[in-house]
Amino acid sequence: MYEPIRTKSVHRMADDHDRYPHRSREEELDIQLAGHLGALLAVTDELGDDPAAERIARQVARLRGTPPVRHAGLSGAGPAALHHRAHTLAGRALVVAASRADTAAAILAAERMDAHAAALDTLRPVGAL
């Protein structure tokens, strides 16, 4: 009347997790942090801030184990848009670095946030909010 179950149970499949590669939380955070810093590096290169770009590139290389690919093209965005994007990316990097307890990356991200916030203040017209 009923056909026998021919597949493994869900509980049995859970034991098979060793067959597939899994990354640890730390590895996932490293990948995420390197991604945010890599994007920040691209914007920093476009802004022409070479000293900051070199510091960011060193952190990306540390996290990835290889030097980062440098940004080759221009987005055509204005300075205010680039600083805003960089500020946002640095904020994301700061959050991940803090949850990863990566002091060097967190300090770098916080410094970049401050630098881009200051740049935005100088670019903002007087009287604008």
N, C-alpha and C. Protein backbone atom coordinates (compact mmCIF):
# COMPACT_ATOMS: atom_id res chain seq x y z
N MET A 1 0.82 -1.18 0.00
CA MET A 1 0.00 0.00 0.00
C MET A 1 0.87 1.26 0.00
N TYR A 2 1.83 1.33 0.92
CA TYR A 2 2.75 2.46 0.96
C TYR A 2 4.10 2.02 0.42
N GLU A 3 4.73 2.92 -0.28
CA GLU A 3 6.04 2.61 -0.79
C GLU A 3 7.08 2.94 0.28
N PRO A 4 8.12 2.15 0.44
CA PRO A 4 9.13 2.44 1.47
C PRO A 4 9.91 3.72 1.12
N ILE A 5 10.38 4.40 2.15
CA ILE A 5 11.17 5.61 1.97
C ILE A 5 12.55 5.19 1.49
N ARG A 6 12.98 5.80 0.39
CA ARG A 6 14.25 5.40 -0.19
C ARG A 6 15.36 6.44 0.00
N THR A 7 15.00 7.60 0.50
CA THR A 7 16.02 8.63 0.70
C THR A 7 16.40 8.69 2.17
N LYS A 8 17.56 9.28 2.41
CA LYS A 8 18.00 9.45 3.79
C LYS A 8 17.10 10.46 4.49
N SER A 9 16.97 10.29 5.76
CA SER A 9 16.18 11.25 6.51
C SER A 9 16.93 12.57 6.62
N VAL A 10 16.23 13.62 6.95
CA VAL A 10 16.84 14.94 7.12
C VAL A 10 17.89 14.88 8.22
N HIS A 11 17.62 14.13 9.25
CA HIS A 11 18.57 14.02 10.36
C HIS A 11 19.83 13.29 9.94
N ARG A 12 19.68 12.34 9.10
CA ARG A 12 20.83 11.59 8.61
C ARG A 12 21.68 12.48 7.69
N MET A 13 21.04 13.33 6.88
CA MET A 13 21.76 14.21 5.98
C MET A 13 22.61 15.22 6.75
N ALA A 14 22.17 15.59 7.92
CA ALA A 14 22.93 16.55 8.72
C ALA A 14 24.30 15.99 9.09
N ASP A 15 24.41 14.68 9.17
CA ASP A 15 25.70 14.07 9.49
C ASP A 15 26.68 14.14 8.32
N ASP A 16 26.17 14.44 7.13
CA ASP A 16 27.01 14.49 5.94
C ASP A 16 27.72 15.82 5.76
N HIS A 17 27.62 16.73 6.72
CA HIS A 17 28.18 18.07 6.55
C HIS A 17 29.70 18.07 6.38
N ASP A 18 30.37 17.02 6.80
CA ASP A 18 31.82 16.97 6.67
C ASP A 18 32.26 16.76 5.22
N ARG A 19 31.35 16.35 4.37
CA ARG A 19 31.71 16.10 2.97
C ARG A 19 31.88 17.39 2.19
N TYR A 20 31.29 18.47 2.65
CA TYR A 20 31.30 19.72 1.91
C TYR A 20 32.13 20.75 2.66
N PRO A 21 32.91 21.54 1.94
CA PRO A 21 33.73 22.55 2.62
C PRO A 21 32.86 23.67 3.18
N HIS A 22 33.13 24.04 4.38
CA HIS A 22 32.42 25.14 5.03
C HIS A 22 33.45 26.12 5.57
N ARG A 23 33.10 27.41 5.51
CA ARG A 23 33.99 28.42 6.07
C ARG A 23 33.53 28.76 7.48
N SER A 24 34.51 29.11 8.29
CA SER A 24 34.20 29.54 9.65
C SER A 24 33.66 30.96 9.61
N ARG A 25 33.12 31.40 10.72
CA ARG A 25 32.61 32.77 10.83
C ARG A 25 33.74 33.77 10.59
N GLU A 26 34.92 33.47 11.13
CA GLU A 26 36.07 34.36 10.96
C GLU A 26 36.47 34.47 9.49
N GLU A 27 36.44 33.34 8.78
CA GLU A 27 36.77 33.37 7.36
C GLU A 27 35.75 34.19 6.57
N GLU A 28 34.48 34.04 6.91
CA GLU A 28 33.43 34.81 6.24
C GLU A 28 33.61 36.30 6.51
N LEU A 29 33.95 36.66 7.75
CA LEU A 29 34.16 38.06 8.08
C LEU A 29 35.40 38.61 7.37
N ASP A 30 36.44 37.80 7.25
CA ASP A 30 37.64 38.22 6.51
C ASP A 30 37.28 38.54 5.06
N ILE A 31 36.50 37.67 4.45
CA ILE A 31 36.09 37.88 3.05
C ILE A 31 35.26 39.14 2.92
N GLN A 32 34.33 39.32 3.85
CA GLN A 32 33.46 40.50 3.81
C GLN A 32 34.27 41.78 4.03
N LEU A 33 35.16 41.77 5.00
CA LEU A 33 35.98 42.94 5.28
C LEU A 33 36.90 43.26 4.10
N ALA A 34 37.51 42.26 3.52
CA ALA A 34 38.37 42.49 2.35
C ALA A 34 37.56 43.06 1.19
N GLY A 35 36.33 42.63 1.04
CA GLY A 35 35.47 43.16 -0.01
C GLY A 35 35.15 44.62 0.19
N HIS A 36 34.78 44.99 1.41
CA HIS A 36 34.48 46.40 1.71
C HIS A 36 35.72 47.27 1.53
N LEU A 37 36.85 46.78 2.02
CA LEU A 37 38.08 47.55 1.88
C LEU A 37 38.53 47.63 0.42
N GLY A 38 38.30 46.57 -0.34
CA GLY A 38 38.63 46.59 -1.77
C GLY A 38 37.81 47.63 -2.52
N ALA A 39 36.52 47.72 -2.18
CA ALA A 39 35.66 48.73 -2.80
C ALA A 39 36.09 50.13 -2.37
N LEU A 40 36.46 50.27 -1.10
CA LEU A 40 36.96 51.56 -0.61
C LEU A 40 38.26 51.93 -1.32
N LEU A 41 39.09 50.95 -1.58
CA LEU A 41 40.34 51.19 -2.30
C LEU A 41 40.06 51.72 -3.71
N ALA A 42 39.08 51.17 -4.38
CA ALA A 42 38.74 51.63 -5.73
C ALA A 42 38.31 53.09 -5.72
N VAL A 43 37.48 53.47 -4.76
CA VAL A 43 37.03 54.86 -4.67
C VAL A 43 38.19 55.77 -4.27
N THR A 44 39.03 55.30 -3.36
CA THR A 44 40.18 56.09 -2.92
C THR A 44 41.16 56.30 -4.07
N ASP A 45 41.38 55.27 -4.87
CA ASP A 45 42.22 55.43 -6.07
C ASP A 45 41.62 56.47 -7.00
N GLU A 46 40.31 56.42 -7.18
CA GLU A 46 39.66 57.38 -8.08
C GLU A 46 39.77 58.81 -7.56
N LEU A 47 39.76 58.95 -6.25
CA LEU A 47 39.93 60.29 -5.66
C LEU A 47 41.38 60.76 -5.72
N GLY A 48 42.31 59.86 -5.99
CA GLY A 48 43.71 60.22 -6.11
C GLY A 48 44.44 60.37 -4.79
N ASP A 49 43.93 59.76 -3.74
CA ASP A 49 44.56 59.83 -2.42
C ASP A 49 45.52 58.64 -2.28
N ASP A 50 46.72 58.79 -2.83
CA ASP A 50 47.67 57.68 -2.88
C ASP A 50 48.13 57.16 -1.51
N PRO A 51 48.45 58.04 -0.53
CA PRO A 51 48.87 57.50 0.77
C PRO A 51 47.78 56.66 1.44
N ALA A 52 46.54 57.13 1.38
CA ALA A 52 45.43 56.36 1.97
C ALA A 52 45.21 55.07 1.19
N ALA A 53 45.32 55.14 -0.12
CA ALA A 53 45.13 53.96 -0.95
C ALA A 53 46.17 52.89 -0.61
N GLU A 54 47.39 53.29 -0.38
CA GLU A 54 48.44 52.31 -0.03
C GLU A 54 48.14 51.65 1.31
N ARG A 55 47.66 52.41 2.28
CA ARG A 55 47.32 51.83 3.59
C ARG A 55 46.17 50.84 3.46
N ILE A 56 45.18 51.19 2.66
CA ILE A 56 44.05 50.29 2.45
C ILE A 56 44.51 49.04 1.71
N ALA A 57 45.35 49.21 0.70
CA ALA A 57 45.85 48.07 -0.08
C ALA A 57 46.62 47.09 0.81
N ARG A 58 47.38 47.60 1.76
CA ARG A 58 48.11 46.72 2.69
C ARG A 58 47.15 45.88 3.52
N GLN A 59 46.05 46.49 3.97
CA GLN A 59 45.07 45.74 4.76
C GLN A 59 44.36 44.68 3.91
N VAL A 60 44.02 45.04 2.68
CA VAL A 60 43.38 44.07 1.78
C VAL A 60 44.33 42.91 1.52
N ALA A 61 45.59 43.20 1.28
CA ALA A 61 46.59 42.15 1.03
C ALA A 61 46.73 41.25 2.26
N ARG A 62 46.71 41.84 3.43
CA ARG A 62 46.81 41.05 4.67
C ARG A 62 45.63 40.09 4.79
N LEU A 63 44.43 40.58 4.48
CA LEU A 63 43.23 39.76 4.63
C LEU A 63 43.12 38.69 3.55
N ARG A 64 43.48 39.03 2.33
CA ARG A 64 43.34 38.09 1.20
C ARG A 64 44.57 37.22 1.00
N GLY A 65 45.70 37.68 1.48
CA GLY A 65 46.93 36.93 1.27
C GLY A 65 47.61 37.25 -0.04
N THR A 66 47.03 38.13 -0.83
CA THR A 66 47.62 38.56 -2.11
C THR A 66 47.35 40.05 -2.28
N PRO A 67 48.19 40.73 -3.04
CA PRO A 67 47.94 42.16 -3.27
C PRO A 67 46.63 42.35 -4.04
N PRO A 68 45.91 43.42 -3.74
CA PRO A 68 44.64 43.65 -4.43
C PRO A 68 44.83 44.13 -5.85
N VAL A 69 43.84 43.88 -6.66
CA VAL A 69 43.81 44.43 -8.01
C VAL A 69 43.40 45.89 -7.86
N ARG A 70 44.17 46.78 -8.44
CA ARG A 70 43.89 48.21 -8.29
C ARG A 70 42.86 48.66 -9.31
N HIS A 71 42.12 49.67 -8.95
CA HIS A 71 41.06 50.23 -9.78
C HIS A 71 41.66 50.82 -11.05
N ALA A 72 41.12 50.43 -12.19
CA ALA A 72 41.70 50.86 -13.46
C ALA A 72 40.87 51.94 -14.15
N GLY A 73 39.58 52.02 -13.85
CA GLY A 73 38.73 52.96 -14.57
C GLY A 73 38.14 54.01 -13.66
N LEU A 74 37.50 54.98 -14.29
CA LEU A 74 36.86 56.05 -13.53
C LEU A 74 35.35 55.91 -13.65
N SER A 75 34.66 56.21 -12.57
CA SER A 75 33.20 56.10 -12.58
C SER A 75 32.54 57.33 -13.17
N GLY A 76 33.25 58.45 -13.20
CA GLY A 76 32.68 59.68 -13.71
C GLY A 76 31.87 60.44 -12.67
N ALA A 77 31.84 59.94 -11.45
CA ALA A 77 31.12 60.62 -10.37
C ALA A 77 31.90 61.83 -9.90
N GLY A 78 31.20 62.80 -9.38
CA GLY A 78 31.84 63.99 -8.85
C GLY A 78 32.50 63.73 -7.51
N PRO A 79 33.33 64.67 -7.04
CA PRO A 79 34.03 64.48 -5.77
C PRO A 79 33.09 64.25 -4.59
N ALA A 80 31.98 64.97 -4.53
CA ALA A 80 31.06 64.80 -3.40
C ALA A 80 30.48 63.40 -3.38
N ALA A 81 30.08 62.91 -4.55
CA ALA A 81 29.52 61.55 -4.62
C ALA A 81 30.57 60.50 -4.25
N LEU A 82 31.80 60.71 -4.70
CA LEU A 82 32.86 59.76 -4.37
C LEU A 82 33.16 59.76 -2.88
N HIS A 83 33.22 60.94 -2.27
CA HIS A 83 33.48 61.01 -0.82
C HIS A 83 32.33 60.38 -0.04
N HIS A 84 31.12 60.59 -0.51
CA HIS A 84 29.96 59.99 0.17
C HIS A 84 30.02 58.47 0.07
N ARG A 85 30.33 57.96 -1.11
CA ARG A 85 30.46 56.51 -1.30
C ARG A 85 31.58 55.95 -0.43
N ALA A 86 32.72 56.65 -0.40
CA ALA A 86 33.85 56.20 0.40
C ALA A 86 33.51 56.21 1.89
N HIS A 87 32.78 57.23 2.33
CA HIS A 87 32.37 57.30 3.74
C HIS A 87 31.48 56.11 4.09
N THR A 88 30.55 55.79 3.20
CA THR A 88 29.65 54.65 3.43
C THR A 88 30.42 53.33 3.47
N LEU A 89 31.33 53.14 2.52
CA LEU A 89 32.13 51.91 2.49
C LEU A 89 33.02 51.78 3.72
N ALA A 90 33.61 52.89 4.15
CA ALA A 90 34.45 52.86 5.35
C ALA A 90 33.60 52.50 6.57
N GLY A 91 32.37 52.99 6.61
CA GLY A 91 31.47 52.65 7.72
C GLY A 91 31.16 51.16 7.74
N ARG A 92 30.91 50.60 6.57
CA ARG A 92 30.64 49.15 6.50
C ARG A 92 31.87 48.36 6.93
N ALA A 93 33.03 48.79 6.48
CA ALA A 93 34.27 48.12 6.87
C ALA A 93 34.49 48.21 8.38
N LEU A 94 34.15 49.35 8.96
CA LEU A 94 34.30 49.53 10.40
C LEU A 94 33.42 48.56 11.17
N VAL A 95 32.19 48.38 10.73
CA VAL A 95 31.27 47.46 11.41
C VAL A 95 31.82 46.04 11.37
N VAL A 96 32.28 45.60 10.20
CA VAL A 96 32.80 44.24 10.08
C VAL A 96 34.10 44.09 10.86
N ALA A 97 34.97 45.09 10.79
CA ALA A 97 36.23 45.01 11.53
C ALA A 97 35.98 44.95 13.03
N ALA A 98 34.99 45.68 13.50
CA ALA A 98 34.67 45.65 14.93
C ALA A 98 34.14 44.27 15.33
N SER A 99 33.28 43.68 14.50
CA SER A 99 32.73 42.38 14.87
C SER A 99 33.79 41.29 14.75
N ARG A 100 34.79 41.54 13.94
CA ARG A 100 35.91 40.60 13.76
C ARG A 100 37.02 40.85 14.78
N ALA A 101 36.93 41.96 15.50
CA ALA A 101 37.94 42.37 16.48
C ALA A 101 39.29 42.61 15.80
N ASP A 102 39.25 43.24 14.62
CA ASP A 102 40.45 43.57 13.86
C ASP A 102 40.75 45.05 14.12
N THR A 103 41.62 45.31 15.08
CA THR A 103 41.91 46.68 15.50
C THR A 103 42.51 47.51 14.38
N ALA A 104 43.47 46.95 13.65
CA ALA A 104 44.14 47.72 12.59
C ALA A 104 43.15 48.16 11.52
N ALA A 105 42.30 47.25 11.08
CA ALA A 105 41.31 47.59 10.05
C ALA A 105 40.26 48.55 10.59
N ALA A 106 39.88 48.39 11.85
CA ALA A 106 38.88 49.28 12.45
C ALA A 106 39.43 50.71 12.55
N ILE A 107 40.67 50.85 12.97
CA ILE A 107 41.28 52.18 13.08
C ILE A 107 41.37 52.82 11.70
N LEU A 108 41.81 52.05 10.71
CA LEU A 108 41.92 52.57 9.35
C LEU A 108 40.55 53.01 8.83
N ALA A 109 39.53 52.19 9.03
CA ALA A 109 38.19 52.52 8.55
C ALA A 109 37.66 53.78 9.24
N ALA A 110 37.88 53.89 10.55
CA ALA A 110 37.41 55.07 11.28
C ALA A 110 38.14 56.33 10.79
N GLU A 111 39.43 56.22 10.54
CA GLU A 111 40.19 57.37 10.01
C GLU A 111 39.68 57.78 8.64
N ARG A 112 39.38 56.79 7.80
CA ARG A 112 38.87 57.10 6.47
C ARG A 112 37.47 57.72 6.54
N MET A 113 36.66 57.26 7.48
CA MET A 113 35.34 57.89 7.66
C MET A 113 35.50 59.35 8.03
N ASP A 114 36.40 59.63 8.98
CA ASP A 114 36.64 61.01 9.40
C ASP A 114 37.14 61.86 8.23
N ALA A 115 38.07 61.31 7.44
CA ALA A 115 38.64 62.07 6.32
C ALA A 115 37.58 62.38 5.28
N HIS A 116 36.72 61.43 4.99
CA HIS A 116 35.69 61.67 3.97
C HIS A 116 34.57 62.56 4.50
N ALA A 117 34.28 62.47 5.79
CA ALA A 117 33.30 63.39 6.37
C ALA A 117 33.83 64.83 6.31
N ALA A 118 35.11 65.00 6.62
CA ALA A 118 35.71 66.34 6.54
C ALA A 118 35.71 66.86 5.11
N ALA A 119 36.02 65.99 4.15
CA ALA A 119 36.01 66.40 2.75
C ALA A 119 34.60 66.79 2.31
N LEU A 120 33.60 66.04 2.77
CA LEU A 120 32.22 66.39 2.43
C LEU A 120 31.83 67.74 3.03
N ASP A 121 32.31 68.03 4.23
CA ASP A 121 32.01 69.32 4.86
C ASP A 121 32.59 70.48 4.06
N THR A 122 33.77 70.28 3.51
CA THR A 122 34.39 71.37 2.73
C THR A 122 33.73 71.52 1.35
N LEU A 123 33.17 70.44 0.83
CA LEU A 123 32.50 70.48 -0.47
C LEU A 123 31.06 70.98 -0.39
N ARG A 124 30.48 70.91 0.79
CA ARG A 124 29.09 71.31 0.98
C ARG A 124 28.99 72.84 0.91
N PRO A 125 28.05 73.37 0.13
CA PRO A 125 27.89 74.82 0.07
C PRO A 125 27.49 75.40 1.42
N VAL A 126 27.90 76.63 1.66
CA VAL A 126 27.57 77.31 2.92
C VAL A 126 26.06 77.43 3.02
N GLY A 127 25.51 77.07 4.17
CA GLY A 127 24.08 77.18 4.42
C GLY A 127 23.31 75.92 4.04
N ALA A 128 23.95 74.96 3.38
CA ALA A 128 23.27 73.71 3.02
C ALA A 128 23.35 72.74 4.19
N LEU A 129 22.34 71.93 4.32
CA LEU A 129 22.34 70.92 5.38
C LEU A 129 22.71 69.58 4.86
